[in-house]
Amino acid sequence: MAKVLEIKNLHVSVEGKEILKGVDLTIKTGEMHAIMGPNGTGKSTLASTIMGHYKYEVTDGTITLDGENLLDMKVDERSRKGIFLAMQYPNEISGVTNSDFIKTAMQARLGEDEHVSLFKFIKSLDKAVSDLKMRSDLPHRYLNEGFSGGEKKRNEILQMKMLKPNFAILDEIDSGLDVDALKVVGENVNNMRGDDFGALIITHYERLLDYINVDYVHIMMNGRIVKTGGKELIAKIDALGYDWLKEELGLEDEEEERKQHVVLGSCAIKKKTEAK
């Protein structure tokens, strides 16, 4: 039976500024979803909110996992429930090797009397490193320390492959990757597809989706998902950008109206000040 991650009417603010303005999205295991859209529309905010970053304040709406309130869970609880976030900017951690970090994360998902088999762990790690065409010394290196941008992104996918989450949130894993690395990462994500795995892939670049067979494409603008379709949307965005959609939805008029409101408001304040 498929697991369900459901987001309803999600409103999120950062330092008092509303970023997400009513996001509705349902993802089931067995499905691949892509979110695209211009810069600053709330895509990364959505990813961080799902994972439980303290900086993002949910002011309205819900996120549930199989009916359980995800917003009541701490970050580590969300992870143990099967949520994984591949970060846009992975951190470096000195003194902790990749293998120790991954093994500890895997152990944290097991019961008190269960333990990660060292033999199976090493075998699975070696295979995942080979699949991602990473350097063989990677397990012994400190986490992301001295890694190139592309190596850090492959390392995020390595963690995903080892942890085998039910839902992976992939936040711009393609940024900083060259053409060859993009193909390797995309194919490894696509090969995770199965009844126990679903993904939300946030990207600016259509090329990544050449290697991932997504089921749904969502366009986010002004803090909302404004259009959903299939892969045909990717081709249209690649050819025409987002202007056609702004015009179709009247978003340009809305933005112009907001700018005029700001200008008029500034003039009114200025005149009032001058009158004094």
C-alpha atoms as a PDB file:
ATOM      1  CA  MET A   1       0.000   0.000   0.000  1.00  0.00           C
ATOM      2  CA  ALA A   2       1.378   3.399  -1.007  1.00  0.00           C
ATOM      3  CA  LYS A   3       2.495   5.886   1.620  1.00  0.00           C
ATOM      4  CA  VAL A   4       1.142   9.435   1.232  1.00  0.00           C
ATOM      5  CA  LEU A   5       2.791  12.779   1.945  1.00  0.00           C
ATOM      6  CA  GLU A   6       0.064  15.427   1.824  1.00  0.00           C
ATOM      7  CA  ILE A   7       0.411  19.208   1.989  1.00  0.00           C
ATOM      8  CA  LYS A   8      -2.705  21.343   2.332  1.00  0.00           C
ATOM      9  CA  ASN A   9      -3.039  25.140   2.211  1.00  0.00           C
ATOM     10  CA  LEU A  10       0.518  25.588   3.498  1.00  0.00           C
ATOM     11  CA  HIS A  11       1.489  29.134   4.481  1.00  0.00           C
ATOM     12  CA  VAL A  12       5.061  29.753   5.641  1.00  0.00           C
ATOM     13  CA  SER A  13       6.810  32.920   6.808  1.00  0.00           C
ATOM     14  CA  VAL A  14      10.465  33.759   7.353  1.00  0.00           C
ATOM     15  CA  GLU A  15      11.220  36.618   9.750  1.00  0.00           C
ATOM     16  CA  GLY A  16       7.679  37.910   9.350  1.00  0.00           C
ATOM     17  CA  LYS A  17       7.660  37.779   5.537  1.00  0.00           C
ATOM     18  CA  GLU A  18       5.210  35.331   3.952  1.00  0.00           C
ATOM     19  CA  ILE A  19       6.949  33.098   1.388  1.00  0.00           C
ATOM     20  CA  LEU A  20       4.494  30.239   0.833  1.00  0.00           C
ATOM     21  CA  LYS A  21       0.927  31.423   0.315  1.00  0.00           C
ATOM     22  CA  GLY A  22      -1.232  28.309   0.190  1.00  0.00           C
ATOM     23  CA  VAL A  23       0.614  25.309  -1.275  1.00  0.00           C
ATOM     24  CA  ASP A  24      -1.380  22.142  -1.991  1.00  0.00           C
ATOM     25  CA  LEU A  25       0.510  19.012  -3.016  1.00  0.00           C
ATOM     26  CA  THR A  26       0.073  15.247  -2.607  1.00  0.00           C
ATOM     27  CA  ILE A  27       2.919  12.779  -3.246  1.00  0.00           C
ATOM     28  CA  LYS A  28       2.618   9.005  -3.053  1.00  0.00           C
ATOM     29  CA  THR A  29       5.354   6.404  -3.027  1.00  0.00           C
ATOM     30  CA  GLY A  30       5.851   5.142  -6.549  1.00  0.00           C
ATOM     31  CA  GLU A  31       5.594   8.693  -7.937  1.00  0.00           C
ATOM     32  CA  MET A  32       8.194  11.200  -9.088  1.00  0.00           C
ATOM     33  CA  HIS A  33       7.223  14.879  -8.876  1.00  0.00           C
ATOM     34  CA  ALA A  34       9.207  17.850 -10.180  1.00  0.00           C
ATOM     35  CA  ILE A  35       8.777  21.453  -9.051  1.00  0.00           C
ATOM     36  CA  MET A  36      10.031  24.220 -11.311  1.00  0.00           C
ATOM     37  CA  GLY A  37       9.655  27.976 -11.319  1.00  0.00           C
ATOM     38  CA  PRO A  38      11.536  31.293 -11.319  1.00  0.00           C
ATOM     39  CA  ASN A  39      13.967  32.214  -8.541  1.00  0.00           C
ATOM     40  CA  GLY A  40      12.493  33.349  -5.237  1.00  0.00           C
ATOM     41  CA  THR A  41       9.126  31.635  -5.613  1.00  0.00           C
ATOM     42  CA  GLY A  42       9.407  29.432  -2.505  1.00  0.00           C
ATOM     43  CA  LYS A  43      10.696  26.100  -3.846  1.00  0.00           C
ATOM     44  CA  SER A  44      13.556  25.726  -1.353  1.00  0.00           C
ATOM     45  CA  THR A  45      11.341  27.087   1.421  1.00  0.00           C
ATOM     46  CA  LEU A  46       8.917  24.242   0.748  1.00  0.00           C
ATOM     47  CA  ALA A  47      11.735  21.662   0.949  1.00  0.00           C
ATOM     48  CA  SER A  48      13.091  23.033   4.229  1.00  0.00           C
ATOM     49  CA  THR A  49       9.617  23.278   5.758  1.00  0.00           C
ATOM     50  CA  ILE A  50       8.833  19.638   4.974  1.00  0.00           C
ATOM     51  CA  MET A  51      12.069  18.628   6.723  1.00  0.00           C
ATOM     52  CA  GLY A  52      11.393  20.891   9.729  1.00  0.00           C
ATOM     53  CA  HIS A  53      13.984  23.680   9.538  1.00  0.00           C
ATOM     54  CA  TYR A  54      13.544  25.945  12.570  1.00  0.00           C
ATOM     55  CA  LYS A  55      13.837  29.123  10.484  1.00  0.00           C
ATOM     56  CA  TYR A  56      10.538  28.534   8.662  1.00  0.00           C
ATOM     57  CA  GLU A  57       7.325  29.340  10.539  1.00  0.00           C
ATOM     58  CA  VAL A  58       4.167  27.552   9.426  1.00  0.00           C
ATOM     59  CA  THR A  59       1.346  30.059   9.909  1.00  0.00           C
ATOM     60  CA  ASP A  60      -1.444  27.997   8.365  1.00  0.00           C
ATOM     61  CA  GLY A  61      -2.086  24.646   6.701  1.00  0.00           C
ATOM     62  CA  THR A  62      -0.940  21.082   7.322  1.00  0.00           C
ATOM     63  CA  ILE A  63       1.668  18.515   6.290  1.00  0.00           C
ATOM     64  CA  THR A  64       0.765  14.897   7.008  1.00  0.00           C
ATOM     65  CA  LEU A  65       2.473  11.572   6.404  1.00  0.00           C
ATOM     66  CA  ASP A  66      -0.024   8.720   6.225  1.00  0.00           C
ATOM     67  CA  GLY A  67      -2.395  10.858   8.269  1.00  0.00           C
ATOM     68  CA  GLU A  68       0.161  11.730  10.981  1.00  0.00           C
ATOM     69  CA  ASN A  69       0.916  15.402  11.608  1.00  0.00           C
ATOM     70  CA  LEU A  70       4.469  15.924  10.356  1.00  0.00           C
ATOM     71  CA  LEU A  71       4.574  19.429  11.818  1.00  0.00           C
ATOM     72  CA  ASP A  72       4.458  17.994  15.350  1.00  0.00           C
ATOM     73  CA  MET A  73       7.631  15.972  14.707  1.00  0.00           C
ATOM     74  CA  LYS A  74      11.235  17.043  15.227  1.00  0.00           C
ATOM     75  CA  VAL A  75      13.694  16.808  12.348  1.00  0.00           C
ATOM     76  CA  ASP A  76      15.129  13.457  13.477  1.00  0.00           C
ATOM     77  CA  GLU A  77      11.622  12.019  13.876  1.00  0.00           C
ATOM     78  CA  ARG A  78      10.753  13.052  10.323  1.00  0.00           C
ATOM     79  CA  SER A  79      13.904  11.345   9.110  1.00  0.00           C
ATOM     80  CA  ARG A  80      13.075   8.125  10.962  1.00  0.00           C
ATOM     81  CA  LYS A  81       9.600   8.248   9.428  1.00  0.00           C
ATOM     82  CA  GLY A  82      11.248   8.031   6.009  1.00  0.00           C
ATOM     83  CA  ILE A  83      11.724  11.663   4.888  1.00  0.00           C
ATOM     84  CA  PHE A  84      15.077  12.606   3.336  1.00  0.00           C
ATOM     85  CA  LEU A  85      16.336  16.012   2.202  1.00  0.00           C
ATOM     86  CA  ALA A  86      19.226  16.368  -0.245  1.00  0.00           C
ATOM     87  CA  MET A  87      20.359  19.894   0.510  1.00  0.00           C
ATOM     88  CA  GLN A  88      21.124  22.593  -2.010  1.00  0.00           C
ATOM     89  CA  TYR A  89      24.243  23.578  -0.043  1.00  0.00           C
ATOM     90  CA  PRO A  90      25.542  20.533   1.908  1.00  0.00           C
ATOM     91  CA  ASN A  91      27.596  21.287   5.018  1.00  0.00           C
ATOM     92  CA  GLU A  92      31.166  20.187   5.662  1.00  0.00           C
ATOM     93  CA  ILE A  93      31.785  18.266   8.904  1.00  0.00           C
ATOM     94  CA  SER A  94      35.407  17.853   9.906  1.00  0.00           C
ATOM     95  CA  GLY A  95      36.413  14.789  11.928  1.00  0.00           C
ATOM     96  CA  VAL A  96      33.460  12.646  10.812  1.00  0.00           C
ATOM     97  CA  THR A  97      34.044  10.269   7.909  1.00  0.00           C
ATOM     98  CA  ASN A  98      31.418   9.608   5.283  1.00  0.00           C
ATOM     99  CA  SER A  99      31.116   5.961   6.248  1.00  0.00           C
ATOM    100  CA  ASP A 100      30.661   6.721   9.966  1.00  0.00           C
ATOM    101  CA  PHE A 101      28.096   9.406   9.206  1.00  0.00           C
ATOM    102  CA  ILE A 102      26.001   7.156   6.956  1.00  0.00           C
ATOM    103  CA  LYS A 103      26.288   4.114   9.226  1.00  0.00           C
ATOM    104  CA  THR A 104      25.179   6.178  12.245  1.00  0.00           C
ATOM    105  CA  ALA A 105      22.201   7.558  10.286  1.00  0.00           C
ATOM    106  CA  MET A 106      21.192   4.038   9.258  1.00  0.00           C
ATOM    107  CA  GLN A 107      21.528   2.764  12.838  1.00  0.00           C
ATOM    108  CA  ALA A 108      19.321   5.605  14.114  1.00  0.00           C
ATOM    109  CA  ARG A 109      16.452   4.262  12.011  1.00  0.00           C
ATOM    110  CA  LEU A 110      16.610   0.807  13.571  1.00  0.00           C
ATOM    111  CA  GLY A 111      15.089  -0.492  16.787  1.00  0.00           C
ATOM    112  CA  GLU A 112      17.056  -0.756  20.057  1.00  0.00           C
ATOM    113  CA  ASP A 113      17.920  -4.439  19.525  1.00  0.00           C
ATOM    114  CA  GLU A 114      18.756  -4.080  15.821  1.00  0.00           C
ATOM    115  CA  HIS A 115      22.189  -3.349  14.408  1.00  0.00           C
ATOM    116  CA  VAL A 116      23.592  -2.506  10.996  1.00  0.00           C
ATOM    117  CA  SER A 117      25.496  -5.486   9.590  1.00  0.00           C
ATOM    118  CA  LEU A 118      29.045  -4.282   8.923  1.00  0.00           C
ATOM    119  CA  PHE A 119      29.544  -6.720   6.040  1.00  0.00           C
ATOM    120  CA  LYS A 120      26.291  -5.716   4.312  1.00  0.00           C
ATOM    121  CA  PHE A 121      27.006  -2.042   4.975  1.00  0.00           C
ATOM    122  CA  ILE A 122      30.447  -2.135   3.350  1.00  0.00           C
ATOM    123  CA  LYS A 123      29.129  -4.119   0.382  1.00  0.00           C
ATOM    124  CA  SER A 124      26.193  -1.707  -0.159  1.00  0.00           C
ATOM    125  CA  LEU A 125      28.406   1.374   0.279  1.00  0.00           C
ATOM    126  CA  ASP A 126      30.987   0.126  -2.219  1.00  0.00           C
ATOM    127  CA  LYS A 127      28.249  -0.573  -4.772  1.00  0.00           C
ATOM    128  CA  ALA A 128      26.623   2.847  -4.277  1.00  0.00           C
ATOM    129  CA  VAL A 129      30.010   4.592  -4.638  1.00  0.00           C
ATOM    130  CA  SER A 130      30.603   2.639  -7.859  1.00  0.00           C
ATOM    131  CA  ASP A 131      27.097   3.428  -9.194  1.00  0.00           C
ATOM    132  CA  LEU A 132      27.746   7.139  -8.670  1.00  0.00           C
ATOM    133  CA  LYS A 133      31.255   6.897 -10.183  1.00  0.00           C
ATOM    134  CA  MET A 134      32.788   8.435  -7.082  1.00  0.00           C
ATOM    135  CA  ARG A 135      36.361   8.069  -5.868  1.00  0.00           C
ATOM    136  CA  SER A 136      37.005   4.846  -3.958  1.00  0.00           C
ATOM    137  CA  ASP A 137      38.633   6.706  -1.037  1.00  0.00           C
ATOM    138  CA  LEU A 138      35.396   8.611  -0.341  1.00  0.00           C
ATOM    139  CA  PRO A 139      34.256   6.458   2.639  1.00  0.00           C
ATOM    140  CA  HIS A 140      37.424   7.451   4.530  1.00  0.00           C
ATOM    141  CA  ARG A 141      37.219  11.186   3.834  1.00  0.00           C
ATOM    142  CA  TYR A 142      35.606  13.662   6.212  1.00  0.00           C
ATOM    143  CA  LEU A 143      32.054  14.546   5.292  1.00  0.00           C
ATOM    144  CA  ASN A 144      32.135  16.965   2.326  1.00  0.00           C
ATOM    145  CA  GLU A 145      35.447  18.462   3.503  1.00  0.00           C
ATOM    146  CA  GLY A 146      37.453  19.561   0.482  1.00  0.00           C
ATOM    147  CA  PHE A 147      34.779  18.222  -1.871  1.00  0.00           C
ATOM    148  CA  SER A 148      33.973  20.042  -5.086  1.00  0.00           C
ATOM    149  CA  GLY A 149      30.401  21.220  -5.592  1.00  0.00           C
ATOM    150  CA  GLY A 150      29.694  18.234  -7.823  1.00  0.00           C
ATOM    151  CA  GLU A 151      31.181  15.775  -5.314  1.00  0.00           C
ATOM    152  CA  LYS A 152      28.967  17.187  -2.560  1.00  0.00           C
ATOM    153  CA  LYS A 153      25.863  16.686  -4.701  1.00  0.00           C
ATOM    154  CA  ARG A 154      26.827  13.094  -5.546  1.00  0.00           C
ATOM    155  CA  ASN A 155      27.453  12.538  -1.849  1.00  0.00           C
ATOM    156  CA  GLU A 156      23.881  13.608  -1.053  1.00  0.00           C
ATOM    157  CA  ILE A 157      22.596  10.992  -3.507  1.00  0.00           C
ATOM    158  CA  LEU A 158      24.954   8.428  -1.969  1.00  0.00           C
ATOM    159  CA  GLN A 159      23.316   9.041   1.419  1.00  0.00           C
ATOM    160  CA  MET A 160      19.876   8.686  -0.156  1.00  0.00           C
ATOM    161  CA  LYS A 161      20.806   5.378  -1.790  1.00  0.00           C
ATOM    162  CA  MET A 162      22.086   4.000   1.516  1.00  0.00           C
ATOM    163  CA  LEU A 163      19.227   5.245   3.698  1.00  0.00           C
ATOM    164  CA  LYS A 164      16.494   4.202   1.229  1.00  0.00           C
ATOM    165  CA  PRO A 165      13.861   6.741   2.377  1.00  0.00           C
ATOM    166  CA  ASN A 166      10.200   6.561   1.455  1.00  0.00           C
ATOM    167  CA  PHE A 167      10.227  10.201   0.324  1.00  0.00           C
ATOM    168  CA  ALA A 168      13.243  12.109  -0.970  1.00  0.00           C
ATOM    169  CA  ILE A 169      13.144  15.896  -1.291  1.00  0.00           C
ATOM    170  CA  LEU A 170      15.907  16.826  -3.736  1.00  0.00           C
ATOM    171  CA  ASP A 171      16.655  20.545  -3.626  1.00  0.00           C
ATOM    172  CA  GLU A 172      18.528  21.583  -6.787  1.00  0.00           C
ATOM    173  CA  ILE A 173      20.838  18.579  -6.776  1.00  0.00           C
ATOM    174  CA  ASP A 174      21.782  19.474 -10.352  1.00  0.00           C
ATOM    175  CA  SER A 175      23.383  22.861  -9.640  1.00  0.00           C
ATOM    176  CA  GLY A 176      27.147  22.719 -10.058  1.00  0.00           C
ATOM    177  CA  LEU A 177      27.122  19.437 -11.972  1.00  0.00           C
ATOM    178  CA  ASP A 178      28.784  19.052 -15.353  1.00  0.00           C
ATOM    179  CA  VAL A 179      27.056  17.164 -18.171  1.00  0.00           C
ATOM    180  CA  ASP A 180      28.503  13.760 -17.269  1.00  0.00           C
ATOM    181  CA  ALA A 181      27.774  14.120 -13.536  1.00  0.00           C
ATOM    182  CA  LEU A 182      24.247  15.288 -14.310  1.00  0.00           C
ATOM    183  CA  LYS A 183      23.598  12.060 -16.213  1.00  0.00           C
ATOM    184  CA  VAL A 184      25.028   9.899 -13.409  1.00  0.00           C
ATOM    185  CA  VAL A 185      23.011  11.654 -10.686  1.00  0.00           C
ATOM    186  CA  GLY A 186      19.797  11.691 -12.730  1.00  0.00           C
ATOM    187  CA  GLU A 187      20.017   7.994 -13.583  1.00  0.00           C
ATOM    188  CA  ASN A 188      20.749   7.029  -9.963  1.00  0.00           C
ATOM    189  CA  VAL A 189      17.691   8.956  -8.777  1.00  0.00           C
ATOM    190  CA  ASN A 190      15.561   7.381 -11.489  1.00  0.00           C
ATOM    191  CA  ASN A 191      16.774   3.894 -10.519  1.00  0.00           C
ATOM    192  CA  MET A 192      15.389   4.426  -7.000  1.00  0.00           C
ATOM    193  CA  ARG A 193      11.866   4.377  -8.438  1.00  0.00           C
ATOM    194  CA  GLY A 194       9.697   1.747  -6.797  1.00  0.00           C
ATOM    195  CA  ASP A 195       6.599   1.096  -4.714  1.00  0.00           C
ATOM    196  CA  ASP A 196       8.387   2.202  -1.514  1.00  0.00           C
ATOM    197  CA  PHE A 197       9.981   5.377  -2.885  1.00  0.00           C
ATOM    198  CA  GLY A 198       8.644   8.737  -4.005  1.00  0.00           C
ATOM    199  CA  ALA A 199      10.538  11.928  -4.824  1.00  0.00           C
ATOM    200  CA  LEU A 200      10.010  15.666  -5.017  1.00  0.00           C
ATOM    201  CA  ILE A 201      12.668  17.088  -7.333  1.00  0.00           C
ATOM    202  CA  ILE A 202      13.223  20.848  -7.221  1.00  0.00           C
ATOM    203  CA  THR A 203      15.129  22.109 -10.234  1.00  0.00           C
ATOM    204  CA  HIS A 204      15.712  25.056 -12.549  1.00  0.00           C
ATOM    205  CA  TYR A 205      17.190  22.949 -15.294  1.00  0.00           C
ATOM    206  CA  GLU A 206      15.211  20.870 -17.750  1.00  0.00           C
ATOM    207  CA  ARG A 207      18.257  18.763 -18.597  1.00  0.00           C
ATOM    208  CA  LEU A 208      18.168  16.872 -15.270  1.00  0.00           C
ATOM    209  CA  LEU A 209      14.660  15.699 -16.107  1.00  0.00           C
ATOM    210  CA  ASP A 210      15.957  14.122 -19.310  1.00  0.00           C
ATOM    211  CA  TYR A 211      17.279  11.362 -17.034  1.00  0.00           C
ATOM    212  CA  ILE A 212      14.423  11.141 -14.516  1.00  0.00           C
ATOM    213  CA  ASN A 213      11.051   9.836 -15.594  1.00  0.00           C
ATOM    214  CA  VAL A 214       8.826  12.223 -13.649  1.00  0.00           C
ATOM    215  CA  ASP A 215       5.082  11.625 -13.399  1.00  0.00           C
ATOM    216  CA  TYR A 216       4.051  15.181 -12.527  1.00  0.00           C
ATOM    217  CA  VAL A 217       5.517  18.617 -13.153  1.00  0.00           C
ATOM    218  CA  HIS A 218       4.407  21.506 -10.927  1.00  0.00           C
ATOM    219  CA  ILE A 219       5.111  25.171 -11.602  1.00  0.00           C
ATOM    220  CA  MET A 220       5.500  27.400  -8.551  1.00  0.00           C
ATOM    221  CA  MET A 221       5.096  31.180  -8.688  1.00  0.00           C
ATOM    222  CA  ASN A 222       4.472  33.773  -6.005  1.00  0.00           C
ATOM    223  CA  GLY A 223       4.507  31.153  -3.256  1.00  0.00           C
ATOM    224  CA  ARG A 224       1.874  28.869  -4.833  1.00  0.00           C
ATOM    225  CA  ILE A 225       1.712  25.949  -7.236  1.00  0.00           C
ATOM    226  CA  VAL A 226      -0.052  27.565 -10.158  1.00  0.00           C
ATOM    227  CA  LYS A 227       0.009  24.787 -12.759  1.00  0.00           C
ATOM    228  CA  THR A 228       0.446  21.002 -12.824  1.00  0.00           C
ATOM    229  CA  GLY A 229       0.953  18.769 -15.826  1.00  0.00           C
ATOM    230  CA  GLY A 230       3.162  16.101 -17.326  1.00  0.00           C
ATOM    231  CA  LYS A 231       6.522  16.211 -19.082  1.00  0.00           C
ATOM    232  CA  GLU A 232       4.999  18.338 -21.829  1.00  0.00           C
ATOM    233  CA  LEU A 233       5.305  21.280 -19.433  1.00  0.00           C
ATOM    234  CA  ILE A 234       9.080  20.836 -19.336  1.00  0.00           C
ATOM    235  CA  ALA A 235       9.357  21.176 -23.119  1.00  0.00           C
ATOM    236  CA  LYS A 236       7.166  24.287 -23.104  1.00  0.00           C
ATOM    237  CA  ILE A 237       9.215  25.953 -20.359  1.00  0.00           C
ATOM    238  CA  ASP A 238      12.425  25.057 -22.176  1.00  0.00           C
ATOM    239  CA  ALA A 239      11.111  26.722 -25.348  1.00  0.00           C
ATOM    240  CA  LEU A 240       9.203  29.709 -23.926  1.00  0.00           C
ATOM    241  CA  GLY A 241      10.357  30.288 -20.361  1.00  0.00           C
ATOM    242  CA  TYR A 242       7.699  31.342 -17.833  1.00  0.00           C
ATOM    243  CA  ASP A 243       6.329  34.505 -19.448  1.00  0.00           C
ATOM    244  CA  TRP A 244       3.532  32.631 -21.238  1.00  0.00           C
ATOM    245  CA  LEU A 245       2.278  31.289 -17.927  1.00  0.00           C
ATOM    246  CA  LYS A 246       2.472  34.671 -16.209  1.00  0.00           C
ATOM    247  CA  GLU A 247       0.369  36.120 -19.008  1.00  0.00           C
ATOM    248  CA  GLU A 248      -2.076  33.191 -18.957  1.00  0.00           C
ATOM    249  CA  LEU A 249      -2.628  33.546 -15.200  1.00  0.00           C
ATOM    250  CA  GLY A 250      -2.495  37.334 -15.078  1.00  0.00           C
ATOM    251  CA  LEU A 251       0.505  37.274 -12.744  1.00  0.00           C
ATOM    252  CA  GLU A 252       2.234  40.128 -14.568  1.00  0.00           C
ATOM    253  CA  ASP A 253      -0.726  42.395 -13.871  1.00  0.00           C
ATOM    254  CA  GLU A 254      -0.712  41.345 -10.244  1.00  0.00           C
ATOM    255  CA  GLU A 255       2.996  42.154  -9.919  1.00  0.00           C
ATOM    256  CA  GLU A 256       2.615  45.503 -11.679  1.00  0.00           C
ATOM    257  CA  GLU A 257      -0.277  46.383  -9.405  1.00  0.00           C
ATOM    258  CA  ARG A 258       1.861  45.612  -6.364  1.00  0.00           C
ATOM    259  CA  LYS A 259       4.676  47.837  -7.651  1.00  0.00           C
ATOM    260  CA  GLN A 260       2.267  50.691  -8.306  1.00  0.00           C
ATOM    261  CA  HIS A 261       0.873  50.314  -4.804  1.00  0.00           C
ATOM    262  CA  VAL A 262       4.389  50.605  -3.357  1.00  0.00           C
ATOM    263  CA  VAL A 263       5.176  53.689  -5.474  1.00  0.00           C
ATOM    264  CA  LEU A 264       1.887  55.412  -4.615  1.00  0.00           C
ATOM    265  CA  GLY A 265       2.373  54.616  -0.960  1.00  0.00           C
ATOM    266  CA  SER A 266       5.872  56.111  -1.016  1.00  0.00           C
ATOM    267  CA  CYS A 267       4.597  59.267  -2.732  1.00  0.00           C
ATOM    268  CA  ALA A 268       1.846  59.666  -0.159  1.00  0.00           C
ATOM    269  CA  ILE A 269       4.345  59.414   2.684  1.00  0.00           C
ATOM    270  CA  LYS A 270       6.672  61.870   1.013  1.00  0.00           C
ATOM    271  CA  LYS A 271       3.939  64.450   0.429  1.00  0.00           C
ATOM    272  CA  LYS A 272       2.741  64.108   4.000  1.00  0.00           C
ATOM    273  CA  THR A 273       6.284  64.677   5.247  1.00  0.00           C
ATOM    274  CA  GLU A 274       6.728  67.712   3.016  1.00  0.00           C
ATOM    275  CA  ALA A 275       3.437  69.173   4.286  1.00  0.00           C
ATOM    276  CA  LYS A 276       4.869  69.182   7.781  1.00  0.00           C
END
